[in-house]
Amino acid sequence: MRWLRVPEILVNTKASLRELTISVGLQVFQALLEEDRELLCGPRHQPQKERWAYRHGHEAGTVVFGGRKIRVRKPRVRRAGGGELELPTWGQMAAGDPLEARVVEQVLVGVSTHGYGRSLEPLGADTPEAGTSQSSASRRLVARTTRQVTDFLARPLEGLDLPVIMIDGTGLGEHLMLVVLGIDHEGHKHILGAREGTTESSELCLSLLRDLLDRGLPVERARLFVIDGGKGIRKAIRQVFNGWAQIQRCQVHKCRNVLQQLPQARRPWVRAAMKRAWTHDDEDKARAQLKRLASQLDDDCPGAASALREGLDETLTLIGLGTSGTLHRTLCSTNPIENLQGTIKRVTRNVKRWRNGKMAFRWAITALTEAARNFRRIRGHRGLPQLNVALQASKDRAALDSTRKVA
């Protein structure tokens, strides 16, 4: 390949450093194409007895450059027996995948498809470009995210040992996105699946859980499910996993539900009383303290008392399993999966109108894929082996009690 000399570049380029870089890059690209053509056809003006390809002029073509397509002169090569030959360098540079990836990356960092063209580095005035309009960016975004959804839904789950599973939903306009997050025995997080619907109904959750089973998630494994308290989610878990599931109700959601039923003046001491009960290391004492608090609220705030009693035992599951410290604080709420929902909200903040559920699902999967890139192990992961032992022991006790009742 004929390398360009610096004085030659400086003489031919009267522009800024950016334009100089673009100009040099295009000249190097053209030189690489000519090198490919020489390898296929041989040196110019040198006869060859066994020539199998020959030069065939140039044609207009486009390649991906800096997040858009630019028009360049494409050298042509034809076989001696007929038919076009593709230059290897051209095949690599003309592929559309890098352009689709650039569009998705720009959207993930907050650029709208309307402003995609403005977010790119400008080219020189004499470099024709294409593919930067809102419609072009939208088409590439749809194509790329559709493939991501297909890959996401086909991922196998065999071999994943998941003692903890969290389920929660978030709204995208009129659509609800139900997400399942698994935590393995080493504390690593895995996005297991998602479903689009309108409410956290048992039918939606059943569909999601059955999909996980179809992809290889085993049923017969003692697990802790952390949920926000939705009745549909709880019903689906009991129906699919039966006695293998222990349910921990999110204490943050429970506290919020109770406080909403109280006058402003009474909220601080009720919140403090609930938190004191949940810090007990004895399940019976914690339950007794919460029941006393409910009794105190019966006369003045019966709605708050009822909200406190509803699902009370499920807020104490982790205490009964003997967890403590950082792991207990991590798993007593749905905060780990709430962070995922926050990523979905951030990525989709520029969407002004949700056309349909398919669109909402594509955006949600794109956001979840982005969130998974930054996953870290949960806090308190060193306590997971003890939790595993406690979960299995609880399952064994339940099985023994069931056998005794039958006998």
Protein backbone atom coordinates (compact mmCIF):
# COMPACT_ATOMS: atom_id res chain seq x y z
CA MET A 1 0.00 0.00 0.00
CA ARG A 2 1.25 3.49 -0.83
CA TRP A 3 1.39 5.40 2.48
CA LEU A 4 0.71 9.13 2.34
CA ARG A 5 3.49 11.47 3.40
CA VAL A 6 2.83 14.16 6.03
CA PRO A 7 3.89 17.12 3.80
CA GLU A 8 1.57 15.88 1.06
CA ILE A 9 -1.33 15.66 3.54
CA LEU A 10 -0.71 19.14 4.92
CA VAL A 11 -0.48 20.70 1.48
CA ASN A 12 -3.73 19.10 0.28
CA THR A 13 -5.72 19.82 3.47
CA LYS A 14 -6.60 23.36 4.53
CA ALA A 15 -8.87 22.64 7.48
CA SER A 16 -9.03 22.04 11.19
CA LEU A 17 -7.55 19.02 12.94
CA ARG A 18 -10.93 17.30 12.87
CA GLU A 19 -11.34 17.80 9.12
CA LEU A 20 -7.73 16.77 8.63
CA THR A 21 -8.37 13.52 10.47
CA ILE A 22 -11.50 12.81 8.42
CA SER A 23 -9.72 13.58 5.16
CA VAL A 24 -6.75 11.40 6.03
CA GLY A 25 -9.02 8.55 7.13
CA LEU A 26 -10.87 8.60 3.82
CA GLN A 27 -7.62 8.69 1.86
CA VAL A 28 -6.26 5.73 3.82
CA PHE A 29 -9.53 3.86 3.21
CA GLN A 30 -9.28 4.47 -0.53
CA ALA A 31 -5.67 3.28 -0.45
CA LEU A 32 -6.75 0.06 1.33
CA LEU A 33 -9.38 -0.56 -1.34
CA GLU A 34 -6.82 -0.13 -4.08
CA GLU A 35 -4.51 -2.54 -2.27
CA ASP A 36 -7.33 -5.12 -2.17
CA ARG A 37 -7.93 -4.63 -5.88
CA GLU A 38 -4.24 -5.07 -6.63
CA LEU A 39 -4.14 -8.33 -4.70
CA LEU A 40 -7.08 -9.65 -6.75
CA CYS A 41 -6.11 -8.29 -10.18
CA GLY A 42 -2.37 -7.89 -9.97
CA PRO A 43 -0.29 -4.72 -10.55
CA ARG A 44 -1.53 -2.19 -13.07
CA HIS A 45 -0.21 -2.30 -16.65
CA GLN A 46 1.53 -5.65 -16.12
CA PRO A 47 0.23 -8.47 -18.36
CA GLN A 48 -0.57 -11.78 -16.63
CA LYS A 49 -1.01 -15.10 -18.46
CA GLU A 50 -3.41 -16.59 -15.88
CA ARG A 51 -5.46 -13.53 -14.94
CA TRP A 52 -8.67 -14.53 -13.10
CA ALA A 53 -9.95 -11.05 -12.23
CA TYR A 54 -9.73 -7.59 -13.79
CA ARG A 55 -10.43 -3.97 -12.87
CA HIS A 56 -13.84 -2.64 -13.85
CA GLY A 57 -13.79 1.07 -13.03
CA HIS A 58 -15.66 2.63 -10.08
CA GLU A 59 -19.21 3.08 -8.84
CA ALA A 60 -20.92 5.10 -6.11
CA GLY A 61 -21.16 3.37 -2.73
CA THR A 62 -21.75 4.08 0.95
CA VAL A 63 -19.82 3.00 4.05
CA VAL A 64 -20.39 3.49 7.80
CA PHE A 65 -18.28 6.29 9.21
CA GLY A 66 -18.69 8.14 12.51
CA GLY A 67 -22.28 7.05 13.13
CA ARG A 68 -23.58 7.79 9.63
CA LYS A 69 -23.19 6.62 6.06
CA ILE A 70 -20.94 8.55 3.69
CA ARG A 71 -20.76 8.29 -0.09
CA VAL A 72 -17.44 7.29 -1.63
CA ARG A 73 -16.13 5.95 -4.93
CA LYS A 74 -16.04 2.16 -4.79
CA PRO A 75 -13.48 0.33 -6.95
CA ARG A 76 -14.98 -2.59 -8.88
CA VAL A 77 -13.46 -5.98 -9.66
CA ARG A 78 -14.95 -8.66 -11.93
CA ARG A 79 -14.06 -12.31 -12.46
CA ALA A 80 -12.61 -13.25 -15.78
CA GLY A 81 -15.48 -15.68 -16.21
CA GLY A 82 -18.09 -13.12 -15.25
CA GLY A 83 -19.52 -11.88 -11.94
CA GLU A 84 -18.61 -9.22 -9.39
CA LEU A 85 -15.98 -9.73 -6.66
CA GLU A 86 -16.28 -7.93 -3.32
CA LEU A 87 -13.24 -6.21 -1.86
CA PRO A 88 -12.59 -7.53 1.72
CA THR A 89 -12.08 -4.05 3.19
CA TRP A 90 -15.29 -2.81 1.61
CA GLY A 91 -17.28 -5.74 3.02
CA GLN A 92 -16.13 -4.89 6.54
CA MET A 93 -16.76 -1.14 6.32
CA ALA A 94 -20.12 -1.33 4.53
CA ALA A 95 -21.77 -3.56 7.17
CA GLY A 96 -24.75 -1.89 8.86
CA ASP A 97 -24.32 -3.43 12.33
CA PRO A 98 -21.86 -0.78 13.64
CA LEU A 99 -24.31 1.93 12.61
CA GLU A 100 -27.20 0.22 14.41
CA ALA A 101 -25.01 -0.20 17.49
CA ARG A 102 -24.10 3.51 17.40
CA VAL A 103 -27.76 4.56 17.25
CA VAL A 104 -28.65 2.37 20.25
CA GLU A 105 -25.64 3.67 22.19
CA GLN A 106 -26.65 7.27 21.55
CA VAL A 107 -30.21 6.59 22.69
CA LEU A 108 -28.96 4.88 25.86
CA VAL A 109 -26.99 7.97 26.87
CA GLY A 110 -30.03 10.18 26.39
CA VAL A 111 -29.98 11.32 22.75
CA SER A 112 -33.38 11.25 21.04
CA THR A 113 -33.72 9.94 17.51
CA HIS A 114 -34.77 13.47 16.51
CA GLY A 115 -31.41 14.84 17.69
CA TYR A 116 -29.26 11.92 16.52
CA GLY A 117 -27.70 13.77 13.57
CA ARG A 118 -26.74 16.76 15.72
CA SER A 119 -25.02 14.48 18.26
CA LEU A 120 -22.46 13.30 15.69
CA GLU A 121 -19.15 14.93 14.86
CA PRO A 122 -19.66 17.12 11.75
CA LEU A 123 -17.93 16.14 8.53
CA GLY A 124 -16.35 18.40 5.99
CA ALA A 125 -18.65 20.33 3.69
CA ASP A 126 -17.45 18.30 0.67
CA THR A 127 -18.25 14.89 2.26
CA PRO A 128 -21.77 13.74 1.33
CA GLU A 129 -23.53 11.83 4.11
CA ALA A 130 -26.75 9.90 4.75
CA GLY A 131 -28.55 7.96 7.47
CA THR A 132 -28.72 10.70 10.11
CA SER A 133 -32.40 11.64 9.84
CA GLN A 134 -34.90 10.84 12.57
CA SER A 135 -36.59 8.19 10.43
CA SER A 136 -33.27 6.47 9.60
CA ALA A 137 -32.22 6.45 13.25
CA SER A 138 -35.63 5.09 14.29
CA ARG A 139 -35.49 2.27 11.72
CA ARG A 140 -32.06 1.19 12.90
CA LEU A 141 -33.12 1.43 16.53
CA VAL A 142 -36.12 -0.82 15.88
CA ALA A 143 -34.04 -3.34 13.92
CA ARG A 144 -31.34 -3.58 16.57
CA THR A 145 -33.67 -3.74 19.58
CA THR A 146 -35.91 -6.32 17.89
CA ARG A 147 -32.93 -8.65 17.61
CA GLN A 148 -32.07 -7.95 21.25
CA VAL A 149 -35.58 -8.99 22.29
CA THR A 150 -35.32 -12.21 20.29
CA ASP A 151 -31.96 -13.08 21.87
CA PHE A 152 -33.21 -12.13 25.33
CA LEU A 153 -36.27 -14.38 25.15
CA ALA A 154 -34.24 -17.35 23.90
CA ARG A 155 -31.56 -17.40 26.61
CA PRO A 156 -31.34 -20.78 28.39
CA LEU A 157 -31.43 -20.83 32.20
CA GLU A 158 -30.02 -24.32 32.78
CA GLY A 159 -27.11 -24.41 35.19
CA LEU A 160 -28.09 -21.26 37.09
CA ASP A 161 -28.36 -21.90 40.83
CA LEU A 162 -30.69 -19.14 42.04
CA PRO A 163 -31.58 -19.18 45.74
CA VAL A 164 -33.19 -15.71 45.51
CA ILE A 165 -35.63 -14.35 42.92
CA MET A 166 -37.15 -10.87 42.90
CA ILE A 167 -40.25 -9.86 40.93
CA ASP A 168 -41.51 -6.33 40.41
CA GLY A 169 -43.34 -4.23 37.82
CA THR A 170 -42.94 -0.73 36.43
CA GLY A 171 -45.21 1.39 34.25
CA LEU A 172 -44.46 2.64 30.74
CA GLY A 173 -47.40 4.81 29.83
CA GLU A 174 -50.44 2.54 29.89
CA HIS A 175 -48.24 -0.56 29.84
CA LEU A 176 -46.82 -2.48 32.79
CA MET A 177 -43.48 -4.24 32.52
CA LEU A 178 -43.09 -7.18 34.92
CA VAL A 179 -39.42 -8.08 35.47
CA VAL A 180 -37.78 -11.08 37.17
CA LEU A 181 -34.30 -10.76 38.68
CA GLY A 182 -32.38 -13.80 39.92
CA ILE A 183 -29.49 -13.81 42.40
CA ASP A 184 -27.15 -16.80 42.24
CA HIS A 185 -25.33 -18.50 45.09
CA GLU A 186 -22.33 -16.16 44.66
CA GLY A 187 -24.39 -12.97 44.71
CA HIS A 188 -24.34 -12.24 40.98
CA LYS A 189 -27.54 -10.79 39.49
CA HIS A 190 -29.22 -12.19 36.38
CA ILE A 191 -32.18 -10.74 34.50
CA LEU A 192 -34.29 -13.85 33.92
CA GLY A 193 -37.29 -12.54 32.00
CA ALA A 194 -39.91 -9.87 31.45
CA ARG A 195 -43.53 -9.62 30.38
CA GLU A 196 -45.68 -6.73 29.16
CA GLY A 197 -49.23 -6.31 30.44
CA THR A 198 -51.56 -3.82 32.08
CA THR A 199 -51.61 -5.04 35.72
CA GLU A 200 -49.63 -7.38 37.98
CA SER A 201 -52.24 -10.08 37.50
CA SER A 202 -51.71 -13.71 38.38
CA GLU A 203 -52.18 -14.64 34.70
CA LEU A 204 -49.35 -12.32 33.60
CA CYS A 205 -47.05 -13.60 36.33
CA LEU A 206 -47.96 -17.23 35.57
CA SER A 207 -47.07 -16.70 31.93
CA LEU A 208 -43.73 -15.21 32.93
CA LEU A 209 -42.85 -17.95 35.44
CA ARG A 210 -43.82 -20.73 33.04
CA ASP A 211 -41.55 -19.21 30.42
CA LEU A 212 -38.68 -19.40 32.92
CA LEU A 213 -39.44 -23.10 33.49
CA ASP A 214 -39.54 -23.73 29.75
CA ARG A 215 -36.07 -22.22 29.45
CA GLY A 216 -34.63 -24.50 32.12
CA LEU A 217 -35.28 -22.97 35.55
CA PRO A 218 -35.82 -25.92 37.95
CA VAL A 219 -38.83 -25.95 40.24
CA GLU A 220 -37.47 -28.25 42.92
CA ARG A 221 -35.08 -25.89 44.61
CA ALA A 222 -35.75 -24.09 47.89
CA ARG A 223 -35.91 -20.38 47.05
CA LEU A 224 -36.66 -17.02 48.56
CA PHE A 225 -38.97 -14.81 46.50
CA VAL A 226 -38.87 -11.09 47.31
CA ILE A 227 -41.96 -9.25 46.06
CA ASP A 228 -43.75 -5.96 46.66
CA GLY A 229 -46.91 -7.61 47.95
CA GLY A 230 -49.04 -7.89 44.82
CA LYS A 231 -51.65 -10.60 45.29
CA GLY A 232 -51.41 -11.76 41.68
CA ILE A 233 -47.65 -12.29 41.95
CA ARG A 234 -48.00 -14.16 45.26
CA LYS A 235 -50.72 -16.41 43.85
CA ALA A 236 -48.66 -17.29 40.77
CA ILE A 237 -45.58 -18.12 42.86
CA ARG A 238 -47.59 -20.45 45.11
CA GLN A 239 -49.18 -22.10 42.10
CA VAL A 240 -45.92 -22.75 40.25
CA PHE A 241 -43.41 -23.41 43.05
CA ASN A 242 -45.74 -24.54 45.85
CA GLY A 243 -43.75 -25.61 48.93
CA TRP A 244 -40.37 -24.78 47.38
CA ALA A 245 -40.99 -21.03 47.73
CA GLN A 246 -40.50 -18.78 50.74
CA ILE A 247 -41.93 -15.28 50.23
CA GLN A 248 -40.40 -12.15 51.71
CA ARG A 249 -42.67 -9.11 51.51
CA CYS A 250 -40.84 -5.88 50.75
CA GLN A 251 -40.70 -3.97 54.03
CA VAL A 252 -40.34 -0.62 52.25
CA HIS A 253 -43.58 -1.14 50.34
CA LYS A 254 -45.36 -2.42 53.44
CA CYS A 255 -44.28 0.61 55.49
CA ARG A 256 -45.38 2.94 52.71
CA ASN A 257 -48.79 1.27 52.44
CA VAL A 258 -49.39 1.62 56.19
CA LEU A 259 -48.23 5.24 56.39
CA GLN A 260 -50.54 6.26 53.55
CA GLN A 261 -53.48 5.35 55.81
CA LEU A 262 -52.28 7.60 58.65
CA PRO A 263 -52.52 11.35 59.37
CA GLN A 264 -49.23 13.17 58.91
CA ALA A 265 -48.64 13.67 62.65
CA ARG A 266 -48.72 9.94 63.46
CA ARG A 267 -46.48 8.72 60.66
CA PRO A 268 -43.03 9.24 62.27
CA TRP A 269 -43.64 7.13 65.39
CA VAL A 270 -45.45 4.37 63.47
CA ARG A 271 -42.57 4.18 61.00
CA ALA A 272 -40.09 3.97 63.87
CA ALA A 273 -42.12 1.26 65.61
CA MET A 274 -42.27 -0.87 62.46
CA LYS A 275 -38.54 -0.54 61.85
CA ARG A 276 -37.79 -1.52 65.47
CA ALA A 277 -39.88 -4.65 65.10
CA TRP A 278 -38.10 -5.65 61.87
CA THR A 279 -34.68 -5.31 63.51
CA HIS A 280 -35.46 -8.13 65.97
CA ASP A 281 -33.55 -11.36 65.51
CA ASP A 282 -36.47 -13.32 66.98
CA GLU A 283 -39.43 -13.83 64.63
CA ASP A 284 -42.00 -14.34 67.39
CA LYS A 285 -41.00 -11.15 69.21
CA ALA A 286 -41.11 -9.16 66.00
CA ARG A 287 -44.57 -10.52 65.18
CA ALA A 288 -45.86 -9.71 68.66
CA GLN A 289 -44.57 -6.15 68.47
CA LEU A 290 -46.21 -5.55 65.08
CA LYS A 291 -49.51 -7.00 66.31
CA ARG A 292 -49.44 -4.69 69.33
CA LEU A 293 -48.87 -1.75 67.02
CA ALA A 294 -51.85 -2.81 64.90
CA SER A 295 -54.01 -3.02 68.02
CA GLN A 296 -53.00 0.52 68.99
CA LEU A 297 -54.12 1.75 65.58
CA ASP A 298 -57.44 -0.09 65.52
CA ASP A 299 -59.62 2.66 67.01
CA ASP A 300 -58.24 5.81 65.38
CA CYS A 301 -56.80 4.40 62.12
CA PRO A 302 -58.46 1.07 61.27
CA GLY A 303 -57.27 1.30 57.66
CA ALA A 304 -53.64 1.46 58.76
CA ALA A 305 -54.18 -1.41 61.21
CA SER A 306 -55.69 -3.55 58.46
CA ALA A 307 -52.85 -2.71 56.07
CA LEU A 308 -50.31 -3.68 58.75
CA ARG A 309 -51.93 -7.04 59.47
CA GLU A 310 -52.25 -7.94 55.78
CA GLY A 311 -49.28 -10.13 54.86
CA LEU A 312 -47.60 -9.40 58.21
CA ASP A 313 -45.95 -12.83 58.48
CA GLU A 314 -44.36 -12.48 55.04
CA THR A 315 -42.48 -9.37 56.19
CA LEU A 316 -40.75 -11.57 58.80
CA THR A 317 -39.56 -14.42 56.55
CA LEU A 318 -35.91 -13.38 56.58
CA ILE A 319 -35.91 -13.11 60.39
CA GLY A 320 -37.28 -16.66 60.56
CA LEU A 321 -34.48 -17.82 58.24
CA GLY A 322 -31.88 -16.33 60.55
CA THR A 323 -30.41 -13.75 58.17
CA SER A 324 -28.75 -10.68 59.60
CA GLY A 325 -26.45 -7.82 58.76
CA THR A 326 -25.91 -6.56 55.23
CA LEU A 327 -27.57 -9.50 53.46
CA HIS A 328 -30.72 -9.02 55.54
CA ARG A 329 -30.85 -5.33 54.66
CA THR A 330 -30.36 -6.16 50.96
CA LEU A 331 -33.09 -8.80 50.73
CA CYS A 332 -35.74 -7.29 53.01
CA SER A 333 -36.87 -5.00 50.17
CA THR A 334 -37.10 -5.00 46.40
CA ASN A 335 -34.46 -2.25 46.13
CA PRO A 336 -32.09 -4.34 43.92
CA ILE A 337 -34.78 -4.74 41.28
CA GLU A 338 -36.05 -1.18 41.80
CA ASN A 339 -32.65 -0.05 40.48
CA LEU A 340 -33.45 -1.91 37.26
CA GLN A 341 -36.75 -0.09 37.01
CA GLY A 342 -34.88 3.17 37.42
CA THR A 343 -32.71 2.31 34.41
CA ILE A 344 -35.83 1.63 32.35
CA LYS A 345 -37.23 5.06 33.33
CA ARG A 346 -33.95 6.78 32.48
CA VAL A 347 -33.53 5.14 29.08
CA THR A 348 -37.15 5.75 28.07
CA ARG A 349 -37.44 9.34 29.30
CA ASN A 350 -37.35 10.75 25.76
CA VAL A 351 -40.26 8.60 24.54
CA LYS A 352 -43.32 10.84 24.24
CA ARG A 353 -45.85 8.31 22.98
CA TRP A 354 -46.08 4.54 23.42
CA ARG A 355 -47.64 3.23 20.23
CA ASN A 356 -48.21 -0.33 21.47
CA GLY A 357 -47.04 -2.98 23.90
CA LYS A 358 -44.46 -4.32 21.47
CA MET A 359 -42.71 -0.95 21.41
CA ALA A 360 -42.76 -0.72 25.22
CA PHE A 361 -41.33 -4.24 25.49
CA ARG A 362 -38.49 -3.46 23.05
CA TRP A 363 -37.49 -0.36 24.99
CA ALA A 364 -37.67 -2.20 28.32
CA ILE A 365 -35.44 -5.05 27.12
CA THR A 366 -32.95 -2.54 25.70
CA ALA A 367 -32.82 -0.78 29.08
CA LEU A 368 -32.47 -4.06 30.98
CA THR A 369 -29.61 -5.14 28.70
CA GLU A 370 -27.90 -1.83 29.41
CA ALA A 371 -28.40 -2.24 33.17
CA ALA A 372 -26.92 -5.76 33.11
CA ARG A 373 -23.65 -4.38 31.77
CA ASN A 374 -23.04 -2.63 35.12
CA PHE A 375 -24.20 -5.38 37.48
CA ARG A 376 -22.23 -6.02 40.64
CA ARG A 377 -22.63 -8.66 43.28
CA ILE A 378 -25.22 -7.84 45.90
CA ARG A 379 -24.14 -6.47 49.25
CA GLY A 380 -23.84 -9.17 51.88
CA HIS A 381 -23.30 -11.96 49.34
CA ARG A 382 -21.00 -13.77 51.77
CA GLY A 383 -24.07 -14.67 53.82
CA LEU A 384 -25.75 -16.54 50.93
CA PRO A 385 -24.38 -20.00 51.90
CA GLN A 386 -26.04 -19.70 55.32
CA LEU A 387 -29.27 -18.56 53.64
CA ASN A 388 -29.11 -21.61 51.36
CA VAL A 389 -28.83 -23.92 54.37
CA ALA A 390 -31.72 -22.15 56.14
CA LEU A 391 -33.96 -22.35 53.06
CA GLN A 392 -33.38 -26.09 52.67
CA ALA A 393 -33.89 -26.71 56.40
CA SER A 394 -37.17 -24.79 56.29
CA LYS A 395 -38.31 -26.86 53.31
CA ASP A 396 -37.39 -30.10 55.10
CA ARG A 397 -39.33 -29.05 58.22
CA ALA A 398 -42.37 -28.17 56.13
CA ALA A 399 -42.22 -31.54 54.37
CA LEU A 400 -41.91 -33.36 57.69
CA ASP A 401 -44.88 -31.48 59.18
CA SER A 402 -46.95 -32.31 56.12
CA THR A 403 -46.06 -36.01 56.44
CA ARG A 404 -47.06 -36.03 60.12
CA LYS A 405 -50.42 -34.41 59.35
CA VAL A 406 -51.15 -37.05 56.71
CA ALA A 407 -50.15 -39.85 59.10
